[in-house]
N, C-alpha and C. Protein backbone atom coordinates (compact mmCIF):
# COMPACT_ATOMS: atom_id res chain seq x y z
N UNK A 1 -9.03 10.51 -15.75
CA UNK A 1 -7.68 10.90 -15.33
C UNK A 1 -6.64 10.25 -16.28
N UNK A 2 -6.86 9.11 -16.84
CA UNK A 2 -5.87 8.48 -17.71
C UNK A 2 -5.56 9.25 -18.99
N UNK A 3 -6.55 10.06 -19.44
CA UNK A 3 -6.31 10.84 -20.64
C UNK A 3 -5.23 11.90 -20.40
N UNK A 4 -4.94 12.18 -19.19
CA UNK A 4 -3.91 13.16 -18.82
C UNK A 4 -2.50 12.53 -18.88
N UNK A 5 -2.43 11.19 -18.83
CA UNK A 5 -1.20 10.49 -18.90
C UNK A 5 -1.17 9.86 -20.30
N UNK A 6 -0.69 10.63 -21.31
CA UNK A 6 -0.82 10.15 -22.66
C UNK A 6 0.39 10.53 -23.51
N UNK A 7 0.97 9.51 -24.10
CA UNK A 7 1.99 9.65 -25.16
C UNK A 7 1.61 8.65 -26.14
N UNK A 8 0.82 9.10 -27.24
CA UNK A 8 0.20 8.08 -28.15
C UNK A 8 1.12 7.06 -28.72
N UNK A 9 2.42 7.24 -28.87
CA UNK A 9 3.33 6.23 -29.42
C UNK A 9 3.76 5.20 -28.41
N UNK A 10 3.35 5.36 -27.11
CA UNK A 10 3.82 4.51 -26.09
C UNK A 10 2.72 3.50 -25.73
N UNK A 11 3.01 2.21 -25.39
CA UNK A 11 1.96 1.27 -25.04
C UNK A 11 1.09 1.73 -23.85
N UNK A 12 1.63 2.50 -22.98
CA UNK A 12 0.89 2.99 -21.80
C UNK A 12 0.21 4.30 -22.12
N UNK A 13 -0.46 4.40 -23.31
CA UNK A 13 -1.15 5.64 -23.63
C UNK A 13 -2.60 5.56 -23.15
N UNK A 14 -3.28 6.70 -23.22
CA UNK A 14 -4.68 6.81 -22.77
C UNK A 14 -5.66 5.81 -23.45
N UNK A 15 -5.31 5.47 -24.67
CA UNK A 15 -6.18 4.58 -25.43
C UNK A 15 -6.30 3.22 -24.78
N UNK A 16 -5.37 2.79 -23.91
CA UNK A 16 -5.39 1.52 -23.26
C UNK A 16 -6.66 1.37 -22.40
N UNK A 17 -7.11 2.47 -21.78
CA UNK A 17 -8.30 2.38 -20.93
C UNK A 17 -9.52 2.03 -21.74
N UNK A 18 -9.72 2.66 -22.87
CA UNK A 18 -10.85 2.37 -23.77
C UNK A 18 -10.76 0.93 -24.20
N UNK A 19 -9.59 0.45 -24.52
CA UNK A 19 -9.40 -0.93 -24.99
C UNK A 19 -9.74 -1.91 -23.85
N UNK A 20 -9.32 -1.64 -22.64
CA UNK A 20 -9.62 -2.51 -21.45
C UNK A 20 -11.15 -2.57 -21.25
N UNK A 21 -11.79 -1.37 -21.26
CA UNK A 21 -13.21 -1.33 -21.06
C UNK A 21 -13.92 -2.07 -22.15
N UNK A 22 -13.50 -1.94 -23.38
CA UNK A 22 -14.17 -2.67 -24.50
C UNK A 22 -14.01 -4.22 -24.32
N UNK A 23 -12.83 -4.62 -23.93
CA UNK A 23 -12.56 -6.05 -23.68
C UNK A 23 -13.44 -6.55 -22.47
N UNK A 24 -13.57 -5.80 -21.46
CA UNK A 24 -14.42 -6.21 -20.38
C UNK A 24 -15.89 -6.35 -20.78
N UNK A 25 -16.35 -5.38 -21.51
CA UNK A 25 -17.80 -5.44 -22.00
C UNK A 25 -17.95 -6.65 -22.95
N UNK A 26 -16.99 -6.86 -23.85
CA UNK A 26 -17.11 -7.96 -24.82
C UNK A 26 -17.08 -9.31 -24.08
N UNK A 27 -16.40 -9.46 -22.94
CA UNK A 27 -16.32 -10.66 -22.24
C UNK A 27 -17.46 -10.87 -21.22
N UNK A 28 -18.31 -9.90 -21.08
CA UNK A 28 -19.41 -9.92 -20.14
C UNK A 28 -18.92 -9.79 -18.67
N UNK A 29 -17.68 -9.38 -18.49
CA UNK A 29 -17.21 -9.17 -17.13
C UNK A 29 -17.60 -7.83 -16.56
N UNK A 30 -17.94 -6.89 -17.47
CA UNK A 30 -18.43 -5.59 -17.00
C UNK A 30 -19.94 -5.62 -16.98
N UNK A 31 -20.49 -5.12 -15.87
CA UNK A 31 -21.98 -5.14 -15.70
C UNK A 31 -22.58 -4.05 -16.62
N UNK A 32 -23.68 -4.37 -17.30
CA UNK A 32 -24.36 -3.36 -18.08
C UNK A 32 -24.80 -2.15 -17.18
N UNK A 33 -24.86 -0.96 -17.72
CA UNK A 33 -25.33 0.15 -16.93
C UNK A 33 -26.69 -0.13 -16.31
N UNK A 34 -26.91 0.24 -15.07
CA UNK A 34 -28.20 0.05 -14.42
C UNK A 34 -28.30 -1.28 -13.68
N UNK A 35 -27.44 -2.25 -13.88
CA UNK A 35 -27.53 -3.55 -13.24
C UNK A 35 -27.12 -3.37 -11.77
N UNK A 36 -27.94 -3.94 -10.87
CA UNK A 36 -27.64 -3.85 -9.47
C UNK A 36 -26.81 -5.08 -9.06
N UNK A 37 -25.46 -4.80 -8.80
CA UNK A 37 -24.64 -5.94 -8.51
C UNK A 37 -25.05 -6.66 -7.17
N UNK A 38 -25.65 -5.98 -6.28
CA UNK A 38 -26.09 -6.62 -5.04
C UNK A 38 -27.18 -7.60 -5.21
N UNK A 39 -28.03 -7.45 -6.28
CA UNK A 39 -29.15 -8.32 -6.49
C UNK A 39 -28.83 -9.35 -7.63
N UNK A 40 -27.61 -9.38 -8.08
CA UNK A 40 -27.25 -10.22 -9.18
C UNK A 40 -26.31 -11.30 -8.74
N UNK A 41 -26.44 -12.48 -9.42
CA UNK A 41 -25.49 -13.55 -9.16
C UNK A 41 -24.40 -13.56 -10.24
N UNK A 42 -24.46 -12.57 -11.12
CA UNK A 42 -23.44 -12.49 -12.19
C UNK A 42 -22.11 -12.08 -11.62
N UNK A 43 -20.98 -12.57 -12.22
CA UNK A 43 -19.65 -12.15 -11.79
C UNK A 43 -19.28 -10.79 -12.37
N UNK A 44 -20.23 -10.14 -13.06
CA UNK A 44 -19.96 -8.85 -13.72
C UNK A 44 -19.57 -7.73 -12.61
N UNK A 45 -18.77 -6.87 -13.01
CA UNK A 45 -18.35 -5.75 -12.10
C UNK A 45 -18.78 -4.46 -12.70
N UNK A 46 -19.05 -3.49 -11.88
CA UNK A 46 -19.35 -2.17 -12.36
C UNK A 46 -18.09 -1.33 -12.58
N UNK A 47 -17.96 -0.70 -13.71
CA UNK A 47 -16.82 0.17 -13.96
C UNK A 47 -17.16 1.53 -13.42
N UNK A 48 -16.57 1.88 -12.34
CA UNK A 48 -16.89 3.13 -11.66
C UNK A 48 -15.58 3.91 -11.43
N UNK A 49 -15.74 5.15 -11.07
CA UNK A 49 -14.61 5.97 -10.70
C UNK A 49 -14.65 6.28 -9.22
N UNK A 50 -13.52 6.69 -8.73
CA UNK A 50 -13.39 6.99 -7.26
C UNK A 50 -12.72 8.36 -7.18
N UNK A 51 -12.98 9.05 -6.08
CA UNK A 51 -12.32 10.29 -5.86
C UNK A 51 -11.28 10.14 -4.73
N UNK A 52 -11.13 8.94 -4.22
CA UNK A 52 -10.20 8.72 -3.14
C UNK A 52 -8.78 8.83 -3.68
N UNK A 53 -7.94 9.55 -2.92
CA UNK A 53 -6.51 9.62 -3.19
C UNK A 53 -5.79 8.91 -2.08
N UNK A 54 -4.68 8.22 -2.38
CA UNK A 54 -3.94 7.55 -1.29
C UNK A 54 -3.28 8.61 -0.36
N UNK A 55 -3.14 8.20 0.86
CA UNK A 55 -2.45 9.03 1.80
C UNK A 55 -0.96 8.84 1.61
N UNK A 56 -0.15 9.71 2.21
CA UNK A 56 1.35 9.55 2.16
C UNK A 56 1.72 8.24 2.79
N UNK A 57 1.08 7.92 3.89
CA UNK A 57 1.42 6.63 4.53
C UNK A 57 1.09 5.44 3.66
N UNK A 58 -0.02 5.49 2.97
CA UNK A 58 -0.37 4.37 2.03
C UNK A 58 0.66 4.23 0.89
N UNK A 59 1.02 5.39 0.31
CA UNK A 59 2.05 5.41 -0.75
C UNK A 59 3.38 4.94 -0.23
N UNK A 60 3.78 5.25 0.98
CA UNK A 60 5.07 4.87 1.49
C UNK A 60 5.12 3.38 1.85
N UNK A 61 3.99 2.70 1.83
CA UNK A 61 4.04 1.21 1.98
C UNK A 61 4.64 0.52 0.76
N UNK A 62 4.63 1.20 -0.38
CA UNK A 62 5.13 0.54 -1.60
C UNK A 62 6.26 1.32 -2.27
N UNK A 63 6.50 2.56 -1.90
CA UNK A 63 7.59 3.33 -2.48
C UNK A 63 8.26 4.19 -1.33
N UNK A 64 9.55 4.38 -1.43
CA UNK A 64 10.24 5.19 -0.46
C UNK A 64 9.76 6.67 -0.62
N UNK A 65 9.65 7.37 0.53
CA UNK A 65 9.19 8.77 0.45
C UNK A 65 10.07 9.62 -0.52
N UNK A 66 11.36 9.38 -0.53
CA UNK A 66 12.22 10.22 -1.43
C UNK A 66 11.85 9.98 -2.90
N UNK A 67 11.49 8.79 -3.27
CA UNK A 67 11.11 8.54 -4.67
C UNK A 67 9.75 9.22 -4.97
N UNK A 68 8.80 9.18 -4.04
CA UNK A 68 7.56 9.89 -4.20
C UNK A 68 7.81 11.35 -4.38
N UNK A 69 8.63 11.92 -3.53
CA UNK A 69 8.93 13.37 -3.58
C UNK A 69 9.59 13.69 -4.90
N UNK A 70 10.45 12.90 -5.40
CA UNK A 70 11.16 13.15 -6.75
C UNK A 70 10.16 13.18 -7.81
N UNK A 71 9.15 12.25 -7.82
CA UNK A 71 8.12 12.26 -8.85
C UNK A 71 7.21 13.47 -8.76
N UNK A 72 6.93 13.91 -7.51
CA UNK A 72 6.12 15.13 -7.32
C UNK A 72 6.86 16.32 -7.92
N UNK A 73 8.14 16.45 -7.60
CA UNK A 73 8.94 17.58 -8.09
C UNK A 73 9.03 17.53 -9.62
N UNK A 74 9.23 16.35 -10.18
CA UNK A 74 9.35 16.23 -11.61
C UNK A 74 8.02 16.61 -12.29
N UNK A 75 6.94 16.15 -11.74
CA UNK A 75 5.64 16.43 -12.34
C UNK A 75 5.34 17.95 -12.35
N UNK A 76 5.84 18.68 -11.40
CA UNK A 76 5.57 20.12 -11.38
C UNK A 76 6.31 20.86 -12.52
N UNK A 77 7.36 20.25 -13.08
CA UNK A 77 8.16 20.93 -14.11
C UNK A 77 7.84 20.49 -15.52
N UNK A 78 6.99 19.49 -15.67
CA UNK A 78 6.69 18.94 -17.01
C UNK A 78 5.77 19.84 -17.82
N UNK A 79 6.12 20.00 -19.08
CA UNK A 79 5.24 20.78 -20.01
C UNK A 79 4.67 19.87 -21.11
N UNK A 80 5.34 18.65 -21.29
CA UNK A 80 4.90 17.69 -22.33
C UNK A 80 5.36 16.28 -21.89
N UNK A 81 4.84 15.22 -22.55
CA UNK A 81 5.36 13.89 -22.20
C UNK A 81 6.86 13.82 -22.31
N UNK A 82 7.52 13.31 -21.23
CA UNK A 82 8.93 13.22 -21.12
C UNK A 82 9.33 11.86 -20.61
N UNK A 83 10.30 11.24 -21.30
CA UNK A 83 10.84 9.92 -20.83
C UNK A 83 11.66 10.23 -19.61
N UNK A 84 11.37 9.45 -18.51
CA UNK A 84 12.13 9.62 -17.27
C UNK A 84 13.11 8.49 -17.04
N UNK A 85 12.99 7.46 -17.85
CA UNK A 85 14.02 6.40 -17.92
C UNK A 85 13.78 5.67 -19.26
N UNK A 86 14.37 4.54 -19.50
CA UNK A 86 14.39 3.89 -20.78
C UNK A 86 12.96 3.55 -21.27
N UNK A 87 12.05 3.27 -20.33
CA UNK A 87 10.71 2.82 -20.78
C UNK A 87 9.56 3.58 -20.10
N UNK A 88 9.87 4.53 -19.29
CA UNK A 88 8.78 5.20 -18.53
C UNK A 88 8.72 6.69 -18.89
N UNK A 89 7.48 7.20 -19.13
CA UNK A 89 7.38 8.55 -19.40
C UNK A 89 6.43 9.16 -18.40
N UNK A 90 6.46 10.47 -18.26
CA UNK A 90 5.47 11.20 -17.46
C UNK A 90 4.98 12.40 -18.29
N UNK A 91 3.71 12.68 -18.19
CA UNK A 91 3.08 13.79 -18.77
C UNK A 91 2.70 14.77 -17.70
N UNK A 92 2.28 16.00 -18.02
CA UNK A 92 1.92 16.90 -17.01
C UNK A 92 0.78 16.39 -16.02
N UNK A 93 -0.07 15.51 -16.52
CA UNK A 93 -1.17 15.00 -15.72
C UNK A 93 -0.94 13.55 -15.16
N UNK A 94 0.29 13.05 -15.37
CA UNK A 94 0.54 11.67 -15.01
C UNK A 94 0.44 11.39 -13.49
N UNK A 95 0.97 12.30 -12.66
CA UNK A 95 0.92 12.14 -11.23
C UNK A 95 -0.52 12.08 -10.73
N UNK A 96 -1.37 12.97 -11.25
CA UNK A 96 -2.72 12.98 -10.87
C UNK A 96 -3.41 11.68 -11.25
N UNK A 97 -3.12 11.17 -12.48
CA UNK A 97 -3.70 9.95 -12.96
C UNK A 97 -3.26 8.75 -12.07
N UNK A 98 -1.98 8.74 -11.72
CA UNK A 98 -1.46 7.64 -10.89
C UNK A 98 -2.10 7.68 -9.50
N UNK A 99 -2.22 8.83 -8.99
CA UNK A 99 -2.81 8.88 -7.60
C UNK A 99 -4.30 8.51 -7.60
N UNK A 100 -4.99 8.91 -8.62
CA UNK A 100 -6.40 8.52 -8.75
C UNK A 100 -6.52 7.04 -8.99
N UNK A 101 -5.64 6.45 -9.79
CA UNK A 101 -5.63 4.99 -9.99
C UNK A 101 -5.36 4.21 -8.69
N UNK A 102 -4.38 4.73 -7.95
CA UNK A 102 -4.05 4.09 -6.62
C UNK A 102 -5.24 4.21 -5.70
N UNK A 103 -5.95 5.32 -5.68
CA UNK A 103 -7.10 5.49 -4.87
C UNK A 103 -8.21 4.53 -5.29
N UNK A 104 -8.43 4.32 -6.56
CA UNK A 104 -9.40 3.37 -7.06
C UNK A 104 -9.08 1.97 -6.66
N UNK A 105 -7.80 1.64 -6.75
CA UNK A 105 -7.35 0.30 -6.29
C UNK A 105 -7.60 0.07 -4.83
N UNK A 106 -7.30 1.06 -4.02
CA UNK A 106 -7.57 1.00 -2.59
C UNK A 106 -9.07 0.85 -2.31
N UNK A 107 -9.91 1.60 -3.01
CA UNK A 107 -11.37 1.44 -2.88
C UNK A 107 -11.78 0.05 -3.21
N UNK A 108 -11.24 -0.50 -4.27
CA UNK A 108 -11.60 -1.85 -4.69
C UNK A 108 -11.26 -2.86 -3.60
N UNK A 109 -10.05 -2.73 -3.04
CA UNK A 109 -9.67 -3.65 -1.94
C UNK A 109 -10.66 -3.49 -0.75
N UNK A 110 -10.96 -2.23 -0.42
CA UNK A 110 -11.94 -1.98 0.69
C UNK A 110 -13.31 -2.66 0.39
N UNK A 111 -13.71 -2.56 -0.88
CA UNK A 111 -15.01 -3.20 -1.22
C UNK A 111 -14.95 -4.69 -1.15
N UNK A 112 -13.88 -5.26 -1.69
CA UNK A 112 -13.74 -6.77 -1.71
C UNK A 112 -13.59 -7.30 -0.24
N UNK A 113 -12.82 -6.58 0.51
CA UNK A 113 -12.54 -7.04 1.89
C UNK A 113 -13.67 -6.70 2.90
N UNK A 114 -14.53 -5.84 2.47
CA UNK A 114 -15.65 -5.47 3.31
C UNK A 114 -15.25 -4.52 4.33
């Protein structure tokens, strides 16, 4: 999903995901493929994806509904990466990427909290 939120000249471009994954693997914080984290005492984590999307109620815990609606409306009109303020841009796939990222964060919290 992050590849859909991309403006190569901006620090928050899609390349940052590959850089983060490479840094995790280089530091041994990312588990090698096939490692069973349940049977391991390693602090390594599995890099996985999630299909969970946050609910409106979950989103409204951190953002006012009017702000969320504004971003939804803006995302529907985008044809290319567009600066929406001095330092923030949106691409046609940004909203989808943000929602998937929020869903992954919520899944992580659920996993950690049990």
